[in-house]
């Protein structure tokens, strides 16, 4: 399956993007596409 993930403004501002993405990937999910906006 594919699903959407949004890293929200609070987590982005706090600098948690890389840690969140590590948790996503460690769970066995692949980040297929990504964009900042």
ModelCIF file with pLDDT and N, C-alpha, C, O atoms, coordinates in Angstrom:
data_MODEL
#
_entry.id   MODEL 
#
_entity.id                         1 
_entity.type                       polymer 
_entity.pdbx_number_of_molecules   1 
#
_entity_poly.entity_id                      1 
_entity_poly.type                           'polypeptide(L)' 
_entity_poly.nstd_linkage                   no 
_entity_poly.nstd_monomer                   no 
_entity_poly.pdbx_seq_one_letter_code       
;(UNK)(UNK)(UNK)(UNK)(UNK)(UNK)(UNK)(UNK)(UNK)(UNK)(UNK)(UNK)(UNK)(UNK)(UNK)(UNK)
(UNK)(UNK)(UNK)(UNK)(UNK)(UNK)(UNK)(UNK)(UNK)(UNK)(UNK)(UNK)(UNK)(UNK)(UNK)(UNK)
(UNK)(UNK)(UNK)(UNK)(UNK)
;
_entity_poly.pdbx_seq_one_letter_code_can   XXXXXXXXXXXXXXXXXXXXXXXXXXXXXXXXXXXXX 
_entity_poly.pdbx_strand_id                 A 
#
loop_
_entity_poly_seq.entity_id 
_entity_poly_seq.num 
_entity_poly_seq.mon_id 
_entity_poly_seq.hetero 
1 1  UNK n 
1 2  UNK n 
1 3  UNK n 
1 4  UNK n 
1 5  UNK n 
1 6  UNK n 
1 7  UNK n 
1 8  UNK n 
1 9  UNK n 
1 10 UNK n 
1 11 UNK n 
1 12 UNK n 
1 13 UNK n 
1 14 UNK n 
1 15 UNK n 
1 16 UNK n 
1 17 UNK n 
1 18 UNK n 
1 19 UNK n 
1 20 UNK n 
1 21 UNK n 
1 22 UNK n 
1 23 UNK n 
1 24 UNK n 
1 25 UNK n 
1 26 UNK n 
1 27 UNK n 
1 28 UNK n 
1 29 UNK n 
1 30 UNK n 
1 31 UNK n 
1 32 UNK n 
1 33 UNK n 
1 34 UNK n 
1 35 UNK n 
1 36 UNK n 
1 37 UNK n 
#
_struct_asym.id          A 
_struct_asym.entity_id   1 
#
loop_
_ma_qa_metric.id 
_ma_qa_metric.mode 
_ma_qa_metric.name 
_ma_qa_metric.software_group_id 
_ma_qa_metric.type 
1 global pLDDT . pLDDT 
2 local  pLDDT . pLDDT 
#
_ma_qa_metric_global.metric_id      1 
_ma_qa_metric_global.metric_value   97.84 
_ma_qa_metric_global.model_id       1 
_ma_qa_metric_global.ordinal_id     1 
#
loop_
_ma_qa_metric_local.label_asym_id 
_ma_qa_metric_local.label_comp_id 
_ma_qa_metric_local.label_seq_id 
_ma_qa_metric_local.metric_id 
_ma_qa_metric_local.metric_value 
_ma_qa_metric_local.model_id 
_ma_qa_metric_local.ordinal_id 
A UNK 1  2 97.00 1 1  
A UNK 2  2 98.00 1 2  
A UNK 3  2 98.00 1 3  
A UNK 4  2 98.00 1 4  
A UNK 5  2 98.00 1 5  
A UNK 6  2 98.00 1 6  
A UNK 7  2 98.00 1 7  
A UNK 8  2 98.00 1 8  
A UNK 9  2 98.00 1 9  
A UNK 10 2 97.00 1 10 
A UNK 11 2 98.00 1 11 
A UNK 12 2 98.00 1 12 
A UNK 13 2 97.00 1 13 
A UNK 14 2 98.00 1 14 
A UNK 15 2 98.00 1 15 
A UNK 16 2 98.00 1 16 
A UNK 17 2 98.00 1 17 
A UNK 18 2 98.00 1 18 
A UNK 19 2 98.00 1 19 
A UNK 20 2 98.00 1 20 
A UNK 21 2 98.00 1 21 
A UNK 22 2 98.00 1 22 
A UNK 23 2 98.00 1 23 
A UNK 24 2 98.00 1 24 
A UNK 25 2 98.00 1 25 
A UNK 26 2 98.00 1 26 
A UNK 27 2 98.00 1 27 
A UNK 28 2 98.00 1 28 
A UNK 29 2 98.00 1 29 
A UNK 30 2 98.00 1 30 
A UNK 31 2 98.00 1 31 
A UNK 32 2 97.00 1 32 
A UNK 33 2 98.00 1 33 
A UNK 34 2 98.00 1 34 
A UNK 35 2 97.00 1 35 
A UNK 36 2 98.00 1 36 
A UNK 37 2 97.00 1 37 
#
loop_
_atom_site.group_PDB 
_atom_site.id 
_atom_site.type_symbol 
_atom_site.label_atom_id 
_atom_site.label_alt_id 
_atom_site.label_comp_id 
_atom_site.label_asym_id 
_atom_site.label_entity_id 
_atom_site.label_seq_id 
_atom_site.pdbx_PDB_ins_code 
_atom_site.Cartn_x 
_atom_site.Cartn_y 
_atom_site.Cartn_z 
_atom_site.occupancy 
_atom_site.B_iso_or_equiv 
_atom_site.pdbx_formal_charge 
_atom_site.auth_seq_id 
_atom_site.auth_comp_id 
_atom_site.auth_asym_id 
_atom_site.auth_atom_id 
_atom_site.pdbx_PDB_model_num 
ATOM 1   N N  . UNK A 1 1  ? 0.841  -1.202 0.000  1.00 97.00 ? 1  UNK A N  1 
ATOM 2   C CA . UNK A 1 1  ? 0.000  0.000  0.000  1.00 97.00 ? 1  UNK A CA 1 
ATOM 3   C C  . UNK A 1 1  ? 0.868  1.240  0.000  1.00 97.00 ? 1  UNK A C  1 
ATOM 4   O O  . UNK A 1 1  ? 2.056  1.208  0.321  1.00 97.00 ? 1  UNK A O  1 
ATOM 5   N N  . UNK A 1 2  ? 0.225  2.335  -0.374 1.00 98.00 ? 2  UNK A N  1 
ATOM 6   C CA . UNK A 1 2  ? 0.818  3.658  -0.229 1.00 98.00 ? 2  UNK A CA 1 
ATOM 7   C C  . UNK A 1 2  ? -0.041 4.444  0.745  1.00 98.00 ? 2  UNK A C  1 
ATOM 8   O O  . UNK A 1 2  ? -1.256 4.255  0.810  1.00 98.00 ? 2  UNK A O  1 
ATOM 9   N N  . UNK A 1 3  ? 0.598  5.325  1.501  1.00 98.00 ? 3  UNK A N  1 
ATOM 10  C CA . UNK A 1 3  ? -0.117 6.187  2.429  1.00 98.00 ? 3  UNK A CA 1 
ATOM 11  C C  . UNK A 1 3  ? 0.587  7.529  2.508  1.00 98.00 ? 3  UNK A C  1 
ATOM 12  O O  . UNK A 1 3  ? 1.748  7.667  2.121  1.00 98.00 ? 3  UNK A O  1 
ATOM 13  N N  . UNK A 1 4  ? -0.139 8.517  3.016  1.00 98.00 ? 4  UNK A N  1 
ATOM 14  C CA . UNK A 1 4  ? 0.418  9.859  3.158  1.00 98.00 ? 4  UNK A CA 1 
ATOM 15  C C  . UNK A 1 4  ? 0.954  10.048 4.568  1.00 98.00 ? 4  UNK A C  1 
ATOM 16  O O  . UNK A 1 4  ? 0.345  9.614  5.547  1.00 98.00 ? 4  UNK A O  1 
ATOM 17  N N  . UNK A 1 5  ? 2.085  10.693 4.650  1.00 98.00 ? 5  UNK A N  1 
ATOM 18  C CA . UNK A 1 5  ? 2.647  11.150 5.919  1.00 98.00 ? 5  UNK A CA 1 
ATOM 19  C C  . UNK A 1 5  ? 2.861  12.652 5.814  1.00 98.00 ? 5  UNK A C  1 
ATOM 20  O O  . UNK A 1 5  ? 3.400  13.141 4.821  1.00 98.00 ? 5  UNK A O  1 
ATOM 21  N N  . UNK A 1 6  ? 2.444  13.374 6.826  1.00 98.00 ? 6  UNK A N  1 
ATOM 22  C CA . UNK A 1 6  ? 2.774  14.799 6.919  1.00 98.00 ? 6  UNK A CA 1 
ATOM 23  C C  . UNK A 1 6  ? 3.541  15.013 8.214  1.00 98.00 ? 6  UNK A C  1 
ATOM 24  O O  . UNK A 1 6  ? 3.070  14.647 9.291  1.00 98.00 ? 6  UNK A O  1 
ATOM 25  N N  . UNK A 1 7  ? 4.707  15.598 8.106  1.00 98.00 ? 7  UNK A N  1 
ATOM 26  C CA . UNK A 1 7  ? 5.419  16.077 9.290  1.00 98.00 ? 7  UNK A CA 1 
ATOM 27  C C  . UNK A 1 7  ? 4.953  17.514 9.475  1.00 98.00 ? 7  UNK A C  1 
ATOM 28  O O  . UNK A 1 7  ? 5.240  18.387 8.656  1.00 98.00 ? 7  UNK A O  1 
ATOM 29  N N  . UNK A 1 8  ? 4.236  17.742 10.559 1.00 98.00 ? 8  UNK A N  1 
ATOM 30  C CA . UNK A 1 8  ? 3.536  19.008 10.798 1.00 98.00 ? 8  UNK A CA 1 
ATOM 31  C C  . UNK A 1 8  ? 4.488  20.119 11.239 1.00 98.00 ? 8  UNK A C  1 
ATOM 32  O O  . UNK A 1 8  ? 5.639  19.857 11.590 1.00 98.00 ? 8  UNK A O  1 
ATOM 33  N N  . UNK A 1 9  ? 3.996  21.371 11.219 1.00 98.00 ? 9  UNK A N  1 
ATOM 34  C CA . UNK A 1 9  ? 4.863  22.518 11.535 1.00 98.00 ? 9  UNK A CA 1 
ATOM 35  C C  . UNK A 1 9  ? 5.592  22.426 12.876 1.00 98.00 ? 9  UNK A C  1 
ATOM 36  O O  . UNK A 1 9  ? 6.737  22.868 12.975 1.00 98.00 ? 9  UNK A O  1 
ATOM 37  N N  . UNK A 1 10 ? 4.962  21.864 13.904 1.00 97.00 ? 10 UNK A N  1 
ATOM 38  C CA . UNK A 1 10 ? 5.610  21.780 15.211 1.00 97.00 ? 10 UNK A CA 1 
ATOM 39  C C  . UNK A 1 10 ? 6.845  20.888 15.171 1.00 97.00 ? 10 UNK A C  1 
ATOM 40  O O  . UNK A 1 10 ? 7.901  21.253 15.687 1.00 97.00 ? 10 UNK A O  1 
ATOM 41  N N  . UNK A 1 11 ? 6.705  19.719 14.557 1.00 98.00 ? 11 UNK A N  1 
ATOM 42  C CA . UNK A 1 11 ? 7.825  18.776 14.485 1.00 98.00 ? 11 UNK A CA 1 
ATOM 43  C C  . UNK A 1 11 ? 8.907  19.278 13.533 1.00 98.00 ? 11 UNK A C  1 
ATOM 44  O O  . UNK A 1 11 ? 10.098 19.099 13.786 1.00 98.00 ? 11 UNK A O  1 
ATOM 45  N N  . UNK A 1 12 ? 8.486  19.908 12.437 1.00 98.00 ? 12 UNK A N  1 
ATOM 46  C CA . UNK A 1 12 ? 9.449  20.473 11.485 1.00 98.00 ? 12 UNK A CA 1 
ATOM 47  C C  . UNK A 1 12 ? 10.286 21.552 12.168 1.00 98.00 ? 12 UNK A C  1 
ATOM 48  O O  . UNK A 1 12 ? 11.516 21.537 12.103 1.00 98.00 ? 12 UNK A O  1 
ATOM 49  N N  . UNK A 1 13 ? 9.599  22.488 12.824 1.00 97.00 ? 13 UNK A N  1 
ATOM 50  C CA . UNK A 1 13 ? 10.276 23.611 13.487 1.00 97.00 ? 13 UNK A CA 1 
ATOM 51  C C  . UNK A 1 13 ? 11.235 23.126 14.573 1.00 97.00 ? 13 UNK A C  1 
ATOM 52  O O  . UNK A 1 13 ? 12.305 23.704 14.767 1.00 97.00 ? 13 UNK A O  1 
ATOM 53  N N  . UNK A 1 14 ? 10.849 22.069 15.277 1.00 98.00 ? 14 UNK A N  1 
ATOM 54  C CA . UNK A 1 14 ? 11.680 21.534 16.361 1.00 98.00 ? 14 UNK A CA 1 
ATOM 55  C C  . UNK A 1 14 ? 12.851 20.692 15.848 1.00 98.00 ? 14 UNK A C  1 
ATOM 56  O O  . UNK A 1 14 ? 13.686 20.252 16.638 1.00 98.00 ? 14 UNK A O  1 
ATOM 57  N N  . UNK A 1 15 ? 12.919 20.467 14.539 1.00 98.00 ? 15 UNK A N  1 
ATOM 58  C CA . UNK A 1 15 ? 14.029 19.724 13.961 1.00 98.00 ? 15 UNK A CA 1 
ATOM 59  C C  . UNK A 1 15 ? 13.921 18.212 14.094 1.00 98.00 ? 15 UNK A C  1 
ATOM 60  O O  . UNK A 1 15 ? 14.936 17.518 14.147 1.00 98.00 ? 15 UNK A O  1 
ATOM 61  N N  . UNK A 1 16 ? 12.687 17.695 14.150 1.00 98.00 ? 16 UNK A N  1 
ATOM 62  C CA . UNK A 1 16 ? 12.490 16.257 14.344 1.00 98.00 ? 16 UNK A CA 1 
ATOM 63  C C  . UNK A 1 16 ? 12.326 15.460 13.048 1.00 98.00 ? 16 UNK A C  1 
ATOM 64  O O  . UNK A 1 16 ? 12.105 14.250 13.101 1.00 98.00 ? 16 UNK A O  1 
ATOM 65  N N  . UNK A 1 17 ? 12.430 16.108 11.894 1.00 98.00 ? 17 UNK A N  1 
ATOM 66  C CA . UNK A 1 17 ? 12.174 15.432 10.616 1.00 98.00 ? 17 UNK A CA 1 
ATOM 67  C C  . UNK A 1 17 ? 13.027 14.177 10.437 1.00 98.00 ? 17 UNK A C  1 
ATOM 68  O O  . UNK A 1 17 ? 12.496 13.114 10.115 1.00 98.00 ? 17 UNK A O  1 
ATOM 69  N N  . UNK A 1 18 ? 14.320 14.286 10.637 1.00 98.00 ? 18 UNK A N  1 
ATOM 70  C CA . UNK A 1 18 ? 15.199 13.125 10.412 1.00 98.00 ? 18 UNK A CA 1 
ATOM 71  C C  . UNK A 1 18 ? 14.900 11.993 11.385 1.00 98.00 ? 18 UNK A C  1 
ATOM 72  O O  . UNK A 1 18 ? 14.903 10.826 10.994 1.00 98.00 ? 18 UNK A O  1 
ATOM 73  N N  . UNK A 1 19 ? 14.643 12.322 12.641 1.00 98.00 ? 19 UNK A N  1 
ATOM 74  C CA . UNK A 1 19 ? 14.334 11.292 13.637 1.00 98.00 ? 19 UNK A CA 1 
ATOM 75  C C  . UNK A 1 19 ? 13.008 10.603 13.306 1.00 98.00 ? 19 UNK A C  1 
ATOM 76  O O  . UNK A 1 19 ? 12.890 9.384  13.433 1.00 98.00 ? 19 UNK A O  1 
ATOM 77  N N  . UNK A 1 20 ? 12.019 11.378 12.885 1.00 98.00 ? 20 UNK A N  1 
ATOM 78  C CA . UNK A 1 20 ? 10.726 10.805 12.497 1.00 98.00 ? 20 UNK A CA 1 
ATOM 79  C C  . UNK A 1 20 ? 10.903 9.893  11.292 1.00 98.00 ? 20 UNK A C  1 
ATOM 80  O O  . UNK A 1 20 ? 10.358 8.790  11.258 1.00 98.00 ? 20 UNK A O  1 
ATOM 81  N N  . UNK A 1 21 ? 11.663 10.350 10.304 1.00 98.00 ? 21 UNK A N  1 
ATOM 82  C CA . UNK A 1 21 ? 11.866 9.521  9.113  1.00 98.00 ? 21 UNK A CA 1 
ATOM 83  C C  . UNK A 1 21 ? 12.654 8.251  9.431  1.00 98.00 ? 21 UNK A C  1 
ATOM 84  O O  . UNK A 1 21 ? 12.431 7.217  8.801  1.00 98.00 ? 21 UNK A O  1 
ATOM 85  N N  . UNK A 1 22 ? 13.556 8.312  10.380 1.00 98.00 ? 22 UNK A N  1 
ATOM 86  C CA . UNK A 1 22 ? 14.264 7.099  10.808 1.00 98.00 ? 22 UNK A CA 1 
ATOM 87  C C  . UNK A 1 22 ? 13.283 6.103  11.413 1.00 98.00 ? 22 UNK A C  1 
ATOM 88  O O  . UNK A 1 22 ? 13.383 4.903  11.155 1.00 98.00 ? 22 UNK A O  1 
ATOM 89  N N  . UNK A 1 23 ? 12.329 6.589  12.221 1.00 98.00 ? 23 UNK A N  1 
ATOM 90  C CA . UNK A 1 23 ? 11.329 5.701  12.818 1.00 98.00 ? 23 UNK A CA 1 
ATOM 91  C C  . UNK A 1 23 ? 10.446 5.081  11.735 1.00 98.00 ? 23 UNK A C  1 
ATOM 92  O O  . UNK A 1 23 ? 10.098 3.903  11.809 1.00 98.00 ? 23 UNK A O  1 
ATOM 93  N N  . UNK A 1 24 ? 10.088 5.883  10.729 1.00 98.00 ? 24 UNK A N  1 
ATOM 94  C CA . UNK A 1 24 ? 9.272  5.383  9.618  1.00 98.00 ? 24 UNK A CA 1 
ATOM 95  C C  . UNK A 1 24 ? 10.016 4.275  8.874  1.00 98.00 ? 24 UNK A C  1 
ATOM 96  O O  . UNK A 1 24 ? 9.461  3.207  8.616  1.00 98.00 ? 24 UNK A O  1 
ATOM 97  N N  . UNK A 1 25 ? 11.267 4.538  8.536  1.00 98.00 ? 25 UNK A N  1 
ATOM 98  C CA . UNK A 1 25 ? 12.044 3.565  7.770  1.00 98.00 ? 25 UNK A CA 1 
ATOM 99  C C  . UNK A 1 25 ? 12.373 2.322  8.606  1.00 98.00 ? 25 UNK A C  1 
ATOM 100 O O  . UNK A 1 25 ? 12.375 1.207  8.084  1.00 98.00 ? 25 UNK A O  1 
ATOM 101 N N  . UNK A 1 26 ? 12.647 2.510  9.882  1.00 98.00 ? 26 UNK A N  1 
ATOM 102 C CA . UNK A 1 26 ? 12.941 1.368  10.758 1.00 98.00 ? 26 UNK A CA 1 
ATOM 103 C C  . UNK A 1 26 ? 11.732 0.452  10.923 1.00 98.00 ? 26 UNK A C  1 
ATOM 104 O O  . UNK A 1 26 ? 11.876 -0.726 11.248 1.00 98.00 ? 26 UNK A O  1 
ATOM 105 N N  . UNK A 1 27 ? 10.540 1.001  10.697 1.00 98.00 ? 27 UNK A N  1 
ATOM 106 C CA . UNK A 1 27 ? 9.317  0.194  10.775 1.00 98.00 ? 27 UNK A CA 1 
ATOM 107 C C  . UNK A 1 27 ? 9.095  -0.621 9.502  1.00 98.00 ? 27 UNK A C  1 
ATOM 108 O O  . UNK A 1 27 ? 8.193  -1.457 9.450  1.00 98.00 ? 27 UNK A O  1 
ATOM 109 N N  . UNK A 1 28 ? 9.915  -0.380 8.474  1.00 98.00 ? 28 UNK A N  1 
ATOM 110 C CA . UNK A 1 28 ? 9.797  -1.127 7.229  1.00 98.00 ? 28 UNK A CA 1 
ATOM 111 C C  . UNK A 1 28 ? 9.070  -0.397 6.124  1.00 98.00 ? 28 UNK A C  1 
ATOM 112 O O  . UNK A 1 28 ? 8.744  -0.989 5.095  1.00 98.00 ? 28 UNK A O  1 
ATOM 113 N N  . UNK A 1 29 ? 8.812  0.887  6.327  1.00 98.00 ? 29 UNK A N  1 
ATOM 114 C CA . UNK A 1 29 ? 8.163  1.685  5.281  1.00 98.00 ? 29 UNK A CA 1 
ATOM 115 C C  . UNK A 1 29 ? 9.214  2.401  4.447  1.00 98.00 ? 29 UNK A C  1 
ATOM 116 O O  . UNK A 1 29 ? 10.272 2.781  4.949  1.00 98.00 ? 29 UNK A O  1 
ATOM 117 N N  . UNK A 1 30 ? 8.910  2.578  3.175  1.00 98.00 ? 30 UNK A N  1 
ATOM 118 C CA . UNK A 1 30 ? 9.816  3.257  2.249  1.00 98.00 ? 30 UNK A CA 1 
ATOM 119 C C  . UNK A 1 30 ? 9.235  4.626  1.921  1.00 98.00 ? 30 UNK A C  1 
ATOM 120 O O  . UNK A 1 30 ? 8.051  4.746  1.607  1.00 98.00 ? 30 UNK A O  1 
ATOM 121 N N  . UNK A 1 31 ? 10.069 5.655  1.994  1.00 98.00 ? 31 UNK A N  1 
ATOM 122 C CA . UNK A 1 31 ? 9.654  6.997  1.598  1.00 98.00 ? 31 UNK A CA 1 
ATOM 123 C C  . UNK A 1 31 ? 9.869  7.100  0.093  1.00 98.00 ? 31 UNK A C  1 
ATOM 124 O O  . UNK A 1 31 ? 10.999 7.224  -0.380 1.00 98.00 ? 31 UNK A O  1 
ATOM 125 N N  . UNK A 1 32 ? 8.760  7.046  -0.654 1.00 97.00 ? 32 UNK A N  1 
ATOM 126 C CA . UNK A 1 32 ? 8.808  7.007  -2.108 1.00 97.00 ? 32 UNK A CA 1 
ATOM 127 C C  . UNK A 1 32 ? 8.965  8.412  -2.688 1.00 97.00 ? 32 UNK A C  1 
ATOM 128 O O  . UNK A 1 32 ? 9.748  8.624  -3.614 1.00 97.00 ? 32 UNK A O  1 
ATOM 129 N N  . UNK A 1 33 ? 8.228  9.354  -2.144 1.00 98.00 ? 33 UNK A N  1 
ATOM 130 C CA . UNK A 1 33 ? 8.293  10.753 -2.585 1.00 98.00 ? 33 UNK A CA 1 
ATOM 131 C C  . UNK A 1 33 ? 8.239  11.635 -1.358 1.00 98.00 ? 33 UNK A C  1 
ATOM 132 O O  . UNK A 1 33 ? 7.656  11.275 -0.336 1.00 98.00 ? 33 UNK A O  1 
ATOM 133 N N  . UNK A 1 34 ? 8.868  12.818 -1.478 1.00 98.00 ? 34 UNK A N  1 
ATOM 134 C CA . UNK A 1 34 ? 8.899  13.737 -0.355 1.00 98.00 ? 34 UNK A CA 1 
ATOM 135 C C  . UNK A 1 34 ? 9.015  15.154 -0.890 1.00 98.00 ? 34 UNK A C  1 
ATOM 136 O O  . UNK A 1 34 ? 9.740  15.413 -1.851 1.00 98.00 ? 34 UNK A O  1 
ATOM 137 N N  . UNK A 1 35 ? 8.289  16.069 -0.254 1.00 97.00 ? 35 UNK A N  1 
ATOM 138 C CA . UNK A 1 35 ? 8.490  17.473 -0.589 1.00 97.00 ? 35 UNK A CA 1 
ATOM 139 C C  . UNK A 1 35 ? 8.160  18.353 0.603  1.00 97.00 ? 35 UNK A C  1 
ATOM 140 O O  . UNK A 1 35 ? 7.300  18.035 1.424  1.00 97.00 ? 35 UNK A O  1 
ATOM 141 N N  . UNK A 1 36 ? 8.862  19.456 0.669  1.00 98.00 ? 36 UNK A N  1 
ATOM 142 C CA . UNK A 1 36 ? 8.637  20.469 1.696  1.00 98.00 ? 36 UNK A CA 1 
ATOM 143 C C  . UNK A 1 36 ? 7.772  21.558 1.080  1.00 98.00 ? 36 UNK A C  1 
ATOM 144 O O  . UNK A 1 36 ? 7.985  21.955 -0.066 1.00 98.00 ? 36 UNK A O  1 
ATOM 145 N N  . UNK A 1 37 ? 6.800  22.035 1.838  1.00 97.00 ? 37 UNK A N  1 
ATOM 146 C CA . UNK A 1 37 ? 5.968  23.124 1.337  1.00 97.00 ? 37 UNK A CA 1 
ATOM 147 C C  . UNK A 1 37 ? 5.348  23.897 2.486  1.00 97.00 ? 37 UNK A C  1 
ATOM 148 O O  . UNK A 1 37 ? 4.611  24.856 2.258  1.00 97.00 ? 37 UNK A O  1 
#
